[in-house]
Amino acid sequence: MKISFKISDSRESLIELLNKVKGLLIKHNNMSFDGLSPAEIGMDLGIVIEQLQNGERIDKEYLKALFAPTAPIQECAIANDWSDEYLRLSSEFDDLIALQHPL
């Protein structure tokens, strides 16, 4: 039996943001950043998106590490000319991740 629940606005906004970042990552080259390719980072984000949609716990610290300055997402953004978009998205990410509570 699947339990139904309402996804909070902050979770829904985080899902939307992660989907945007995932889309940007998947479009770009296969260079590795800290040992992770954009496709691998995108797959990790996909797992987190699914966890959020299912009301499951997420690894906030891992996500914070991916979005940190000079971490894989920023390195990919710089290498693929979307660093301004990254700065906007990472700022929004910081606000949204702070609102996420363990279930």
C-alpha atoms as a PDB file:
ATOM      1  CA  MET A   1       0.000   0.000   0.000  1.00  0.00           C
ATOM      2  CA  LYS A   2       1.444   3.333  -1.069  1.00  0.00           C
ATOM      3  CA  ILE A   3       1.031   6.197   1.372  1.00  0.00           C
ATOM      4  CA  SER A   4      -0.166   9.431  -0.178  1.00  0.00           C
ATOM      5  CA  PHE A   5       1.204  12.736   1.049  1.00  0.00           C
ATOM      6  CA  LYS A   6       1.437  16.342  -0.077  1.00  0.00           C
ATOM      7  CA  ILE A   7       4.881  17.483  -1.161  1.00  0.00           C
ATOM      8  CA  SER A   8       5.729  20.755   0.575  1.00  0.00           C
ATOM      9  CA  ASP A   9       6.289  23.858  -1.523  1.00  0.00           C
ATOM     10  CA  SER A  10       9.982  23.915  -0.597  1.00  0.00           C
ATOM     11  CA  ARG A  11      10.403  20.252  -1.610  1.00  0.00           C
ATOM     12  CA  GLU A  12       8.593  20.886  -4.881  1.00  0.00           C
ATOM     13  CA  SER A  13      10.809  23.915  -5.546  1.00  0.00           C
ATOM     14  CA  LEU A  14      13.914  21.855  -4.758  1.00  0.00           C
ATOM     15  CA  ILE A  15      12.737  19.140  -7.159  1.00  0.00           C
ATOM     16  CA  GLU A  16      12.276  21.761  -9.899  1.00  0.00           C
ATOM     17  CA  LEU A  17      15.725  23.228  -9.243  1.00  0.00           C
ATOM     18  CA  LEU A  18      17.420  19.813  -9.267  1.00  0.00           C
ATOM     19  CA  ASN A  19      15.658  18.968 -12.536  1.00  0.00           C
ATOM     20  CA  LYS A  20      16.974  22.212 -14.082  1.00  0.00           C
ATOM     21  CA  VAL A  21      20.522  21.431 -12.976  1.00  0.00           C
ATOM     22  CA  LYS A  22      20.205  17.827 -14.151  1.00  0.00           C
ATOM     23  CA  GLY A  23      19.089  19.077 -17.576  1.00  0.00           C
ATOM     24  CA  LEU A  24      22.066  21.430 -17.823  1.00  0.00           C
ATOM     25  CA  LEU A  25      24.500  18.693 -16.802  1.00  0.00           C
ATOM     26  CA  ILE A  26      23.192  16.104 -19.237  1.00  0.00           C
ATOM     27  CA  LYS A  27      23.548  18.506 -22.189  1.00  0.00           C
ATOM     28  CA  HIS A  28      27.254  18.945 -21.702  1.00  0.00           C
ATOM     29  CA  ASN A  29      30.521  17.167 -22.293  1.00  0.00           C
ATOM     30  CA  ASN A  30      31.714  14.054 -20.543  1.00  0.00           C
ATOM     31  CA  MET A  31      34.689  15.571 -18.757  1.00  0.00           C
ATOM     32  CA  SER A  32      35.135  14.355 -15.192  1.00  0.00           C
ATOM     33  CA  PHE A  33      34.945  16.772 -12.296  1.00  0.00           C
ATOM     34  CA  ASP A  34      36.276  15.392  -9.010  1.00  0.00           C
ATOM     35  CA  GLY A  35      35.961  11.932 -10.520  1.00  0.00           C
ATOM     36  CA  LEU A  36      32.327  12.384 -11.561  1.00  0.00           C
ATOM     37  CA  SER A  37      31.086  12.953 -15.099  1.00  0.00           C
ATOM     38  CA  PRO A  38      28.145  15.299 -15.721  1.00  0.00           C
ATOM     39  CA  ALA A  39      26.055  12.207 -16.558  1.00  0.00           C
ATOM     40  CA  GLU A  40      26.949  10.590 -13.216  1.00  0.00           C
ATOM     41  CA  ILE A  41      26.088  13.758 -11.311  1.00  0.00           C
ATOM     42  CA  GLY A  42      22.815  13.913 -13.251  1.00  0.00           C
ATOM     43  CA  MET A  43      22.031  10.317 -12.274  1.00  0.00           C
ATOM     44  CA  ASP A  44      22.738  11.121  -8.623  1.00  0.00           C
ATOM     45  CA  LEU A  45      20.417  14.125  -8.835  1.00  0.00           C
ATOM     46  CA  GLY A  46      17.772  11.887 -10.417  1.00  0.00           C
ATOM     47  CA  ILE A  47      17.943   9.563  -7.419  1.00  0.00           C
ATOM     48  CA  VAL A  48      17.536  12.503  -5.029  1.00  0.00           C
ATOM     49  CA  ILE A  49      14.600  13.830  -7.067  1.00  0.00           C
ATOM     50  CA  GLU A  50      12.899  10.446  -6.798  1.00  0.00           C
ATOM     51  CA  GLN A  51      13.558  10.340  -3.047  1.00  0.00           C
ATOM     52  CA  LEU A  52      12.031  13.796  -2.641  1.00  0.00           C
ATOM     53  CA  GLN A  53       8.989  12.823  -4.698  1.00  0.00           C
ATOM     54  CA  ASN A  54       8.512   9.715  -2.547  1.00  0.00           C
ATOM     55  CA  GLY A  55       8.878  11.607   0.722  1.00  0.00           C
ATOM     56  CA  GLU A  56      12.089   9.775   1.577  1.00  0.00           C
ATOM     57  CA  ARG A  57      15.136  11.095   3.379  1.00  0.00           C
ATOM     58  CA  ILE A  58      17.843  12.679   1.265  1.00  0.00           C
ATOM     59  CA  ASP A  59      21.567  13.055   1.858  1.00  0.00           C
ATOM     60  CA  LYS A  60      21.671  16.823   2.305  1.00  0.00           C
ATOM     61  CA  GLU A  61      25.412  16.837   2.962  1.00  0.00           C
ATOM     62  CA  TYR A  62      26.168  15.063  -0.325  1.00  0.00           C
ATOM     63  CA  LEU A  63      23.998  17.563  -2.201  1.00  0.00           C
ATOM     64  CA  LYS A  64      25.699  20.470  -0.451  1.00  0.00           C
ATOM     65  CA  ALA A  65      29.062  19.023  -1.469  1.00  0.00           C
ATOM     66  CA  LEU A  66      27.966  18.817  -5.126  1.00  0.00           C
ATOM     67  CA  PHE A  67      26.801  22.462  -5.104  1.00  0.00           C
ATOM     68  CA  ALA A  68      29.745  23.871  -3.109  1.00  0.00           C
ATOM     69  CA  PRO A  69      32.162  26.349  -4.717  1.00  0.00           C
ATOM     70  CA  THR A  70      34.731  24.554  -6.889  1.00  0.00           C
ATOM     71  CA  ALA A  71      32.746  21.320  -6.550  1.00  0.00           C
ATOM     72  CA  PRO A  72      31.653  19.211  -9.555  1.00  0.00           C
ATOM     73  CA  ILE A  73      28.535  21.175 -10.526  1.00  0.00           C
ATOM     74  CA  GLN A  74      30.308  24.540 -10.527  1.00  0.00           C
ATOM     75  CA  GLU A  75      33.290  23.093 -12.399  1.00  0.00           C
ATOM     76  CA  CYS A  76      30.952  21.706 -15.058  1.00  0.00           C
ATOM     77  CA  ALA A  77      29.137  25.049 -15.253  1.00  0.00           C
ATOM     78  CA  ILE A  78      32.385  26.950 -15.765  1.00  0.00           C
ATOM     79  CA  ALA A  79      33.630  24.492 -18.395  1.00  0.00           C
ATOM     80  CA  ASN A  80      30.348  24.720 -20.301  1.00  0.00           C
ATOM     81  CA  ASP A  81      29.585  28.463 -20.098  1.00  0.00           C
ATOM     82  CA  TRP A  82      26.664  28.431 -17.670  1.00  0.00           C
ATOM     83  CA  SER A  83      28.475  29.792 -14.612  1.00  0.00           C
ATOM     84  CA  ASP A  84      26.053  32.732 -14.210  1.00  0.00           C
ATOM     85  CA  GLU A  85      23.138  30.285 -14.223  1.00  0.00           C
ATOM     86  CA  TYR A  86      25.018  28.127 -11.708  1.00  0.00           C
ATOM     87  CA  LEU A  87      25.459  31.081  -9.328  1.00  0.00           C
ATOM     88  CA  ARG A  88      21.733  31.805  -9.419  1.00  0.00           C
ATOM     89  CA  LEU A  89      20.770  28.143  -9.017  1.00  0.00           C
ATOM     90  CA  SER A  90      23.275  27.464  -6.236  1.00  0.00           C
ATOM     91  CA  SER A  91      22.025  30.458  -4.265  1.00  0.00           C
ATOM     92  CA  GLU A  92      18.460  29.206  -4.635  1.00  0.00           C
ATOM     93  CA  PHE A  93      19.654  25.695  -3.710  1.00  0.00           C
ATOM     94  CA  ASP A  94      21.225  27.005  -0.478  1.00  0.00           C
ATOM     95  CA  ASP A  95      17.911  28.593   0.509  1.00  0.00           C
ATOM     96  CA  LEU A  96      15.855  25.502  -0.340  1.00  0.00           C
ATOM     97  CA  ILE A  97      18.132  22.882   1.218  1.00  0.00           C
ATOM     98  CA  ALA A  98      18.045  24.802   4.508  1.00  0.00           C
ATOM     99  CA  LEU A  99      14.258  24.312   4.565  1.00  0.00           C
ATOM    100  CA  GLN A 100      14.423  20.533   4.150  1.00  0.00           C
ATOM    101  CA  HIS A 101      13.727  18.595   7.326  1.00  0.00           C
ATOM    102  CA  PRO A 102      14.229  14.913   7.910  1.00  0.00           C
ATOM    103  CA  LEU A 103      10.995  12.957   7.546  1.00  0.00           C
END
